[in-house]
Amino acid sequence: MVLPNDTNNLGNLMGGKLLHWMDVISAIAAQRASNRTVVTVAVDFVEFKAAIPLGAIVILEAKVTRTFTSSMEVRIDVAYEDLRKGERHSSNTAYYTFVAVDQSGRPIPVNPVAPETEAEKAEYEEASQRRELRLLLAGRIQPAEATYAKKLFG
């Protein structure tokens, strides 16, 4: 529930508070999927579709879309319920990336996830494209190595 100390001067949930909640829920999803300790390494494609007002019930859903060697992409969907009006609204979507680590903080392998539904299969395929863009923007791969980006930008 969005309480007064969670809001900005417009009476809506502060974005930073929501990002914190999204980080927590996505870390739980990554830890459950990998059975490992995980650390956040990236937050991408955060979309703020609608402000969440004071008093609303916030619903966060997180799911691992794909695993790589030691990293996992997690999609988070946020909605809110206005109890007075009896309405539910979609408000945010984002992708967080986590890396599984050992006791010393070194990356360790994670088991793959197996998409089952058509939507999960599409999300699984798109995850590798998002990963490539993340790595390209971070300077971890060269433009010549970015096959998906070449298709987008020529």
N, C-alpha and C. Protein backbone atom coordinates (compact mmCIF):
# COMPACT_ATOMS: atom_id res chain seq x y z
N MET A 1 0.85 -1.18 0.00
CA MET A 1 0.00 0.00 0.00
C MET A 1 0.89 1.23 0.00
N VAL A 2 0.52 2.20 -0.81
CA VAL A 2 1.26 3.45 -0.88
C VAL A 2 0.84 4.33 0.30
N LEU A 3 1.79 4.60 1.17
CA LEU A 3 1.56 5.41 2.37
C LEU A 3 2.09 6.82 2.15
N PRO A 4 1.68 7.78 2.98
CA PRO A 4 2.11 9.17 2.78
C PRO A 4 3.63 9.35 2.70
N ASN A 5 4.40 8.61 3.49
CA ASN A 5 5.85 8.79 3.45
C ASN A 5 6.49 8.19 2.19
N ASP A 6 5.70 7.51 1.35
CA ASP A 6 6.18 6.94 0.10
C ASP A 6 5.91 7.85 -1.09
N THR A 7 5.25 8.99 -0.85
CA THR A 7 4.78 9.81 -1.97
C THR A 7 5.60 11.07 -2.18
N ASN A 8 5.46 11.60 -3.40
CA ASN A 8 6.08 12.88 -3.73
C ASN A 8 5.08 14.00 -3.45
N ASN A 9 5.41 15.22 -3.86
CA ASN A 9 4.52 16.35 -3.55
C ASN A 9 3.25 16.37 -4.40
N LEU A 10 3.12 15.44 -5.34
CA LEU A 10 1.89 15.30 -6.12
C LEU A 10 0.97 14.22 -5.56
N GLY A 11 1.42 13.56 -4.49
CA GLY A 11 0.61 12.51 -3.88
C GLY A 11 0.73 11.16 -4.56
N ASN A 12 1.80 10.98 -5.34
CA ASN A 12 2.03 9.70 -6.02
C ASN A 12 3.26 9.01 -5.48
N LEU A 13 3.30 7.70 -5.63
CA LEU A 13 4.46 6.91 -5.19
C LEU A 13 5.72 7.44 -5.85
N MET A 14 6.77 7.66 -5.06
CA MET A 14 8.04 8.12 -5.61
C MET A 14 8.66 7.01 -6.46
N GLY A 15 9.23 7.40 -7.60
CA GLY A 15 9.84 6.44 -8.51
C GLY A 15 10.96 5.65 -7.85
N GLY A 16 11.76 6.30 -7.04
CA GLY A 16 12.87 5.61 -6.37
C GLY A 16 12.39 4.53 -5.42
N LYS A 17 11.30 4.78 -4.73
CA LYS A 17 10.72 3.78 -3.82
C LYS A 17 10.25 2.58 -4.63
N LEU A 18 9.57 2.84 -5.76
CA LEU A 18 9.10 1.75 -6.60
C LEU A 18 10.28 0.95 -7.16
N LEU A 19 11.33 1.63 -7.62
CA LEU A 19 12.50 0.92 -8.14
C LEU A 19 13.12 0.02 -7.07
N HIS A 20 13.13 0.49 -5.83
CA HIS A 20 13.63 -0.33 -4.72
C HIS A 20 12.78 -1.59 -4.56
N TRP A 21 11.47 -1.42 -4.54
CA TRP A 21 10.58 -2.58 -4.41
C TRP A 21 10.78 -3.55 -5.58
N MET A 22 10.95 -3.00 -6.78
CA MET A 22 11.16 -3.83 -7.96
C MET A 22 12.47 -4.61 -7.86
N ASP A 23 13.50 -3.97 -7.32
CA ASP A 23 14.79 -4.65 -7.14
C ASP A 23 14.65 -5.80 -6.15
N VAL A 24 13.94 -5.58 -5.07
CA VAL A 24 13.75 -6.63 -4.06
C VAL A 24 12.98 -7.81 -4.64
N ILE A 25 11.86 -7.54 -5.30
CA ILE A 25 11.03 -8.63 -5.81
C ILE A 25 11.74 -9.39 -6.93
N SER A 26 12.49 -8.68 -7.77
CA SER A 26 13.20 -9.37 -8.85
C SER A 26 14.38 -10.18 -8.32
N ALA A 27 15.02 -9.70 -7.26
CA ALA A 27 16.09 -10.48 -6.64
C ALA A 27 15.54 -11.77 -6.05
N ILE A 28 14.37 -11.71 -5.45
CA ILE A 28 13.75 -12.92 -4.92
C ILE A 28 13.48 -13.91 -6.04
N ALA A 29 12.97 -13.44 -7.17
CA ALA A 29 12.71 -14.33 -8.32
C ALA A 29 14.01 -14.95 -8.82
N ALA A 30 15.07 -14.16 -8.92
CA ALA A 30 16.36 -14.67 -9.40
C ALA A 30 16.95 -15.69 -8.42
N GLN A 31 16.83 -15.41 -7.13
CA GLN A 31 17.35 -16.35 -6.13
C GLN A 31 16.57 -17.65 -6.14
N ARG A 32 15.27 -17.57 -6.27
CA ARG A 32 14.46 -18.79 -6.33
C ARG A 32 14.80 -19.62 -7.56
N ALA A 33 14.98 -18.96 -8.70
CA ALA A 33 15.26 -19.68 -9.94
C ALA A 33 16.64 -20.32 -9.94
N SER A 34 17.60 -19.67 -9.30
CA SER A 34 18.98 -20.16 -9.34
C SER A 34 19.42 -20.89 -8.08
N ASN A 35 18.68 -20.69 -6.99
CA ASN A 35 19.08 -21.23 -5.69
C ASN A 35 20.48 -20.75 -5.31
N ARG A 36 20.76 -19.50 -5.66
CA ARG A 36 22.07 -18.89 -5.42
C ARG A 36 21.88 -17.49 -4.85
N THR A 37 22.94 -16.96 -4.26
CA THR A 37 22.96 -15.55 -3.89
C THR A 37 23.13 -14.76 -5.17
N VAL A 38 22.39 -13.67 -5.32
CA VAL A 38 22.47 -12.88 -6.54
C VAL A 38 22.72 -11.41 -6.21
N VAL A 39 23.31 -10.72 -7.17
CA VAL A 39 23.52 -9.28 -7.05
C VAL A 39 22.96 -8.61 -8.30
N THR A 40 22.43 -7.42 -8.12
CA THR A 40 21.90 -6.64 -9.24
C THR A 40 23.06 -6.07 -10.04
N VAL A 41 23.03 -6.27 -11.37
CA VAL A 41 24.08 -5.69 -12.21
C VAL A 41 23.54 -4.69 -13.23
N ALA A 42 22.24 -4.73 -13.49
CA ALA A 42 21.68 -3.77 -14.45
C ALA A 42 20.18 -3.61 -14.24
N VAL A 43 19.71 -2.42 -14.53
CA VAL A 43 18.28 -2.12 -14.55
C VAL A 43 18.04 -1.47 -15.91
N ASP A 44 17.16 -2.09 -16.69
CA ASP A 44 16.97 -1.63 -18.07
C ASP A 44 15.50 -1.47 -18.41
N PHE A 45 15.29 -0.65 -19.40
CA PHE A 45 13.99 -0.53 -20.04
C PHE A 45 12.86 -0.30 -19.03
N VAL A 46 13.10 0.58 -18.08
CA VAL A 46 12.07 0.90 -17.10
C VAL A 46 11.04 1.80 -17.78
N GLU A 47 9.82 1.36 -17.74
CA GLU A 47 8.74 2.13 -18.35
C GLU A 47 7.75 2.55 -17.27
N PHE A 48 7.55 3.85 -17.13
CA PHE A 48 6.56 4.39 -16.20
C PHE A 48 5.33 4.76 -17.02
N LYS A 49 4.31 3.91 -16.97
CA LYS A 49 3.10 4.13 -17.77
C LYS A 49 2.07 4.98 -17.04
N ALA A 50 2.01 4.84 -15.73
CA ALA A 50 1.00 5.56 -14.95
C ALA A 50 1.51 5.78 -13.53
N ALA A 51 1.18 6.93 -12.98
CA ALA A 51 1.53 7.23 -11.59
C ALA A 51 0.68 6.38 -10.66
N ILE A 52 1.27 5.98 -9.54
CA ILE A 52 0.56 5.18 -8.54
C ILE A 52 0.18 6.10 -7.38
N PRO A 53 -1.11 6.29 -7.14
CA PRO A 53 -1.54 7.27 -6.14
C PRO A 53 -1.48 6.77 -4.70
N LEU A 54 -1.46 7.72 -3.81
CA LEU A 54 -1.54 7.46 -2.37
C LEU A 54 -2.72 6.54 -2.08
N GLY A 55 -2.51 5.53 -1.26
CA GLY A 55 -3.57 4.61 -0.85
C GLY A 55 -3.75 3.41 -1.75
N ALA A 56 -3.08 3.40 -2.90
CA ALA A 56 -3.23 2.28 -3.83
C ALA A 56 -2.49 1.04 -3.30
N ILE A 57 -3.01 -0.12 -3.66
CA ILE A 57 -2.34 -1.39 -3.38
C ILE A 57 -1.45 -1.69 -4.58
N VAL A 58 -0.16 -1.90 -4.34
CA VAL A 58 0.80 -2.14 -5.42
C VAL A 58 1.01 -3.64 -5.58
N ILE A 59 0.92 -4.13 -6.82
CA ILE A 59 1.11 -5.55 -7.12
C ILE A 59 2.34 -5.66 -8.01
N LEU A 60 3.34 -6.40 -7.54
CA LEU A 60 4.57 -6.59 -8.31
C LEU A 60 4.70 -8.07 -8.66
N GLU A 61 4.96 -8.36 -9.92
CA GLU A 61 5.18 -9.73 -10.38
C GLU A 61 6.51 -9.79 -11.10
N ALA A 62 7.35 -10.75 -10.72
CA ALA A 62 8.67 -10.89 -11.32
C ALA A 62 8.88 -12.32 -11.79
N LYS A 63 9.51 -12.45 -12.95
CA LYS A 63 9.77 -13.78 -13.50
C LYS A 63 11.09 -13.76 -14.26
N VAL A 64 11.89 -14.79 -14.05
CA VAL A 64 13.13 -14.94 -14.81
C VAL A 64 12.76 -15.29 -16.25
N THR A 65 13.23 -14.47 -17.19
CA THR A 65 12.91 -14.70 -18.59
C THR A 65 13.95 -15.57 -19.28
N ARG A 66 15.20 -15.45 -18.81
CA ARG A 66 16.28 -16.24 -19.42
C ARG A 66 17.49 -16.21 -18.51
N THR A 67 18.24 -17.30 -18.55
CA THR A 67 19.53 -17.34 -17.86
C THR A 67 20.62 -17.44 -18.91
N PHE A 68 21.78 -16.92 -18.55
CA PHE A 68 22.96 -17.03 -19.40
C PHE A 68 23.98 -17.81 -18.57
N THR A 69 25.25 -17.59 -18.70
CA THR A 69 26.22 -18.39 -17.94
C THR A 69 26.03 -18.21 -16.43
N SER A 70 26.17 -16.99 -15.97
CA SER A 70 25.99 -16.71 -14.54
C SER A 70 24.94 -15.63 -14.30
N SER A 71 24.41 -15.07 -15.37
CA SER A 71 23.44 -13.98 -15.22
C SER A 71 22.03 -14.43 -15.56
N MET A 72 21.09 -13.64 -15.08
CA MET A 72 19.67 -13.90 -15.30
C MET A 72 18.96 -12.59 -15.58
N GLU A 73 18.06 -12.61 -16.55
CA GLU A 73 17.21 -11.45 -16.79
C GLU A 73 15.87 -11.71 -16.12
N VAL A 74 15.37 -10.70 -15.42
CA VAL A 74 14.08 -10.81 -14.74
C VAL A 74 13.17 -9.69 -15.24
N ARG A 75 11.97 -10.06 -15.66
CA ARG A 75 10.97 -9.06 -16.06
C ARG A 75 10.07 -8.79 -14.86
N ILE A 76 9.82 -7.51 -14.62
CA ILE A 76 8.94 -7.11 -13.53
C ILE A 76 7.78 -6.32 -14.12
N ASP A 77 6.58 -6.74 -13.76
CA ASP A 77 5.37 -6.02 -14.14
C ASP A 77 4.74 -5.49 -12.87
N VAL A 78 4.37 -4.22 -12.90
CA VAL A 78 3.78 -3.58 -11.74
C VAL A 78 2.38 -3.08 -12.11
N ALA A 79 1.46 -3.34 -11.22
CA ALA A 79 0.09 -2.83 -11.36
C ALA A 79 -0.31 -2.26 -10.01
N TYR A 80 -1.41 -1.55 -10.00
CA TYR A 80 -1.94 -1.08 -8.72
C TYR A 80 -3.46 -1.18 -8.74
N GLU A 81 -3.99 -1.36 -7.54
CA GLU A 81 -5.44 -1.41 -7.37
C GLU A 81 -5.89 -0.17 -6.61
N ASP A 82 -6.90 0.46 -7.16
CA ASP A 82 -7.56 1.57 -6.48
C ASP A 82 -8.77 0.96 -5.78
N LEU A 83 -8.66 0.76 -4.48
CA LEU A 83 -9.72 0.07 -3.74
C LEU A 83 -11.03 0.85 -3.71
N ARG A 84 -10.94 2.18 -3.73
CA ARG A 84 -12.17 2.98 -3.72
C ARG A 84 -12.98 2.81 -5.00
N LYS A 85 -12.28 2.70 -6.12
CA LYS A 85 -12.96 2.57 -7.41
C LYS A 85 -13.09 1.12 -7.86
N GLY A 86 -12.37 0.22 -7.17
CA GLY A 86 -12.41 -1.19 -7.56
C GLY A 86 -11.75 -1.44 -8.91
N GLU A 87 -10.71 -0.66 -9.23
CA GLU A 87 -10.04 -0.77 -10.52
C GLU A 87 -8.59 -1.21 -10.36
N ARG A 88 -8.11 -1.91 -11.38
CA ARG A 88 -6.71 -2.32 -11.41
C ARG A 88 -6.07 -1.72 -12.67
N HIS A 89 -4.88 -1.15 -12.52
CA HIS A 89 -4.19 -0.49 -13.62
C HIS A 89 -2.75 -0.99 -13.73
N SER A 90 -2.28 -1.16 -14.95
CA SER A 90 -0.88 -1.46 -15.19
C SER A 90 -0.10 -0.16 -15.06
N SER A 91 1.05 -0.21 -14.38
CA SER A 91 1.79 1.04 -14.19
C SER A 91 3.23 0.99 -14.66
N ASN A 92 3.90 -0.15 -14.55
CA ASN A 92 5.33 -0.20 -14.88
C ASN A 92 5.73 -1.56 -15.41
N THR A 93 6.79 -1.53 -16.21
CA THR A 93 7.47 -2.73 -16.66
C THR A 93 8.96 -2.42 -16.64
N ALA A 94 9.77 -3.40 -16.29
CA ALA A 94 11.22 -3.21 -16.32
C ALA A 94 11.91 -4.56 -16.43
N TYR A 95 13.18 -4.49 -16.78
CA TYR A 95 14.02 -5.68 -16.82
C TYR A 95 15.23 -5.43 -15.93
N TYR A 96 15.46 -6.35 -15.02
CA TYR A 96 16.63 -6.30 -14.14
C TYR A 96 17.52 -7.48 -14.51
N THR A 97 18.84 -7.27 -14.38
CA THR A 97 19.79 -8.36 -14.61
C THR A 97 20.52 -8.63 -13.32
N PHE A 98 20.62 -9.91 -12.99
CA PHE A 98 21.31 -10.36 -11.79
C PHE A 98 22.41 -11.33 -12.16
N VAL A 99 23.44 -11.38 -11.34
CA VAL A 99 24.50 -12.37 -11.48
C VAL A 99 24.54 -13.18 -10.20
N ALA A 100 24.61 -14.50 -10.36
CA ALA A 100 24.77 -15.39 -9.20
C ALA A 100 26.23 -15.35 -8.77
N VAL A 101 26.45 -15.28 -7.46
CA VAL A 101 27.82 -15.18 -6.94
C VAL A 101 28.05 -16.18 -5.81
N ASP A 102 29.33 -16.53 -5.64
CA ASP A 102 29.70 -17.41 -4.53
C ASP A 102 29.98 -16.57 -3.29
N GLN A 103 30.50 -17.21 -2.25
CA GLN A 103 30.76 -16.52 -0.97
C GLN A 103 31.76 -15.38 -1.11
N SER A 104 32.64 -15.47 -2.12
CA SER A 104 33.64 -14.42 -2.34
C SER A 104 33.18 -13.34 -3.31
N GLY A 105 31.94 -13.47 -3.79
CA GLY A 105 31.41 -12.49 -4.72
C GLY A 105 31.77 -12.73 -6.17
N ARG A 106 32.34 -13.90 -6.47
CA ARG A 106 32.70 -14.24 -7.84
C ARG A 106 31.51 -14.88 -8.55
N PRO A 107 31.31 -14.55 -9.84
CA PRO A 107 30.20 -15.14 -10.60
C PRO A 107 30.30 -16.66 -10.65
N ILE A 108 29.13 -17.31 -10.54
CA ILE A 108 29.06 -18.77 -10.64
C ILE A 108 27.92 -19.13 -11.59
N PRO A 109 28.02 -20.29 -12.23
CA PRO A 109 27.00 -20.69 -13.22
C PRO A 109 25.63 -20.89 -12.59
N VAL A 110 24.61 -20.67 -13.43
CA VAL A 110 23.22 -20.92 -13.04
C VAL A 110 22.60 -21.90 -14.03
N ASN A 111 21.59 -22.61 -13.57
CA ASN A 111 20.89 -23.54 -14.44
C ASN A 111 20.00 -22.78 -15.42
N PRO A 112 19.82 -23.33 -16.61
CA PRO A 112 18.95 -22.66 -17.59
C PRO A 112 17.49 -22.74 -17.18
N VAL A 113 16.71 -21.78 -17.66
CA VAL A 113 15.26 -21.83 -17.50
C VAL A 113 14.67 -22.34 -18.81
N ALA A 114 13.55 -23.02 -18.72
CA ALA A 114 12.90 -23.58 -19.91
C ALA A 114 11.56 -22.89 -20.11
N PRO A 115 11.45 -22.07 -21.15
CA PRO A 115 10.16 -21.42 -21.41
C PRO A 115 9.14 -22.46 -21.84
N GLU A 116 7.90 -22.26 -21.41
CA GLU A 116 6.85 -23.23 -21.73
C GLU A 116 5.78 -22.65 -22.65
N THR A 117 5.25 -21.50 -22.31
CA THR A 117 4.17 -20.91 -23.11
C THR A 117 4.76 -20.15 -24.30
N GLU A 118 3.91 -19.80 -25.24
CA GLU A 118 4.37 -19.01 -26.40
C GLU A 118 4.90 -17.65 -25.94
N ALA A 119 4.23 -17.04 -24.98
CA ALA A 119 4.69 -15.75 -24.46
C ALA A 119 6.05 -15.88 -23.80
N GLU A 120 6.25 -16.95 -23.03
CA GLU A 120 7.55 -17.19 -22.39
C GLU A 120 8.64 -17.43 -23.42
N LYS A 121 8.31 -18.16 -24.48
CA LYS A 121 9.28 -18.42 -25.55
C LYS A 121 9.69 -17.13 -26.25
N ALA A 122 8.72 -16.26 -26.51
CA ALA A 122 9.03 -14.97 -27.15
C ALA A 122 9.90 -14.12 -26.23
N GLU A 123 9.55 -14.07 -24.95
CA GLU A 123 10.33 -13.31 -23.97
C GLU A 123 11.75 -13.85 -23.87
N TYR A 124 11.88 -15.17 -23.92
CA TYR A 124 13.18 -15.85 -23.86
C TYR A 124 14.06 -15.42 -25.03
N GLU A 125 13.52 -15.42 -26.23
CA GLU A 125 14.28 -15.01 -27.42
C GLU A 125 14.64 -13.53 -27.36
N GLU A 126 13.71 -12.71 -26.95
CA GLU A 126 13.95 -11.27 -26.87
C GLU A 126 14.98 -10.93 -25.80
N ALA A 127 15.13 -11.79 -24.79
CA ALA A 127 16.10 -11.54 -23.72
C ALA A 127 17.52 -11.47 -24.26
N SER A 128 17.85 -12.31 -25.23
CA SER A 128 19.20 -12.27 -25.78
C SER A 128 19.43 -10.97 -26.56
N GLN A 129 18.39 -10.44 -27.18
CA GLN A 129 18.50 -9.15 -27.88
C GLN A 129 18.71 -8.02 -26.89
N ARG A 130 17.95 -8.03 -25.80
CA ARG A 130 18.12 -7.00 -24.77
C ARG A 130 19.51 -7.10 -24.15
N ARG A 131 19.98 -8.32 -23.95
CA ARG A 131 21.32 -8.52 -23.38
C ARG A 131 22.39 -7.93 -24.30
N GLU A 132 22.25 -8.19 -25.59
CA GLU A 132 23.23 -7.65 -26.53
C GLU A 132 23.25 -6.12 -26.48
N LEU A 133 22.08 -5.51 -26.45
CA LEU A 133 22.03 -4.04 -26.37
C LEU A 133 22.65 -3.53 -25.07
N ARG A 134 22.38 -4.23 -23.96
CA ARG A 134 22.97 -3.86 -22.67
C ARG A 134 24.49 -3.90 -22.74
N LEU A 135 25.02 -5.00 -23.29
CA LEU A 135 26.47 -5.17 -23.37
C LEU A 135 27.09 -4.14 -24.32
N LEU A 136 26.41 -3.85 -25.40
CA LEU A 136 26.91 -2.85 -26.35
C LEU A 136 26.96 -1.47 -25.71
N LEU A 137 25.89 -1.07 -25.05
CA LEU A 137 25.84 0.24 -24.41
C LEU A 137 26.84 0.36 -23.26
N ALA A 138 27.14 -0.76 -22.62
CA ALA A 138 28.11 -0.76 -21.52
C ALA A 138 29.55 -0.85 -22.02
N GLY A 139 29.74 -1.00 -23.34
CA GLY A 139 31.08 -1.12 -23.90
C GLY A 139 31.71 -2.48 -23.69
N ARG A 140 30.90 -3.48 -23.36
CA ARG A 140 31.44 -4.83 -23.11
C ARG A 140 31.57 -5.65 -24.38
N ILE A 141 30.87 -5.22 -25.45
CA ILE A 141 31.07 -5.81 -26.77
C ILE A 141 31.22 -4.68 -27.77
N GLN A 142 31.86 -4.98 -28.89
CA GLN A 142 32.07 -4.00 -29.95
C GLN A 142 30.87 -3.98 -30.90
N PRO A 143 30.61 -2.85 -31.54
CA PRO A 143 29.49 -2.79 -32.49
C PRO A 143 29.53 -3.89 -33.55
N ALA A 144 30.72 -4.28 -33.98
CA ALA A 144 30.84 -5.34 -34.99
C ALA A 144 30.32 -6.68 -34.48
N GLU A 145 30.30 -6.86 -33.17
CA GLU A 145 29.82 -8.11 -32.57
C GLU A 145 28.32 -8.11 -32.32
N ALA A 146 27.69 -6.97 -32.48
CA ALA A 146 26.29 -6.80 -32.11
C ALA A 146 25.37 -7.11 -33.29
N THR A 147 25.05 -8.36 -33.48
CA THR A 147 24.25 -8.77 -34.64
C THR A 147 22.84 -8.19 -34.61
N TYR A 148 22.21 -8.16 -33.46
CA TYR A 148 20.86 -7.62 -33.35
C TYR A 148 20.86 -6.11 -33.60
N ALA A 149 21.83 -5.41 -33.01
CA ALA A 149 21.91 -3.96 -33.20
C ALA A 149 22.14 -3.61 -34.67
N LYS A 150 22.90 -4.43 -35.37
CA LYS A 150 23.12 -4.19 -36.81
C LYS A 150 21.80 -4.24 -37.56
N LYS A 151 20.93 -5.17 -37.19
CA LYS A 151 19.63 -5.27 -37.84
C LYS A 151 18.78 -4.02 -37.57
N LEU A 152 18.91 -3.49 -36.35
CA LEU A 152 18.13 -2.31 -35.98
C LEU A 152 18.65 -1.03 -36.63
N PHE A 153 19.98 -0.88 -36.60
CA PHE A 153 20.58 0.39 -36.97
C PHE A 153 21.38 0.36 -38.27
N GLY A 154 21.49 -0.82 -38.87
CA GLY A 154 22.19 -0.92 -40.16
C GLY A 154 23.65 -1.05 -40.08
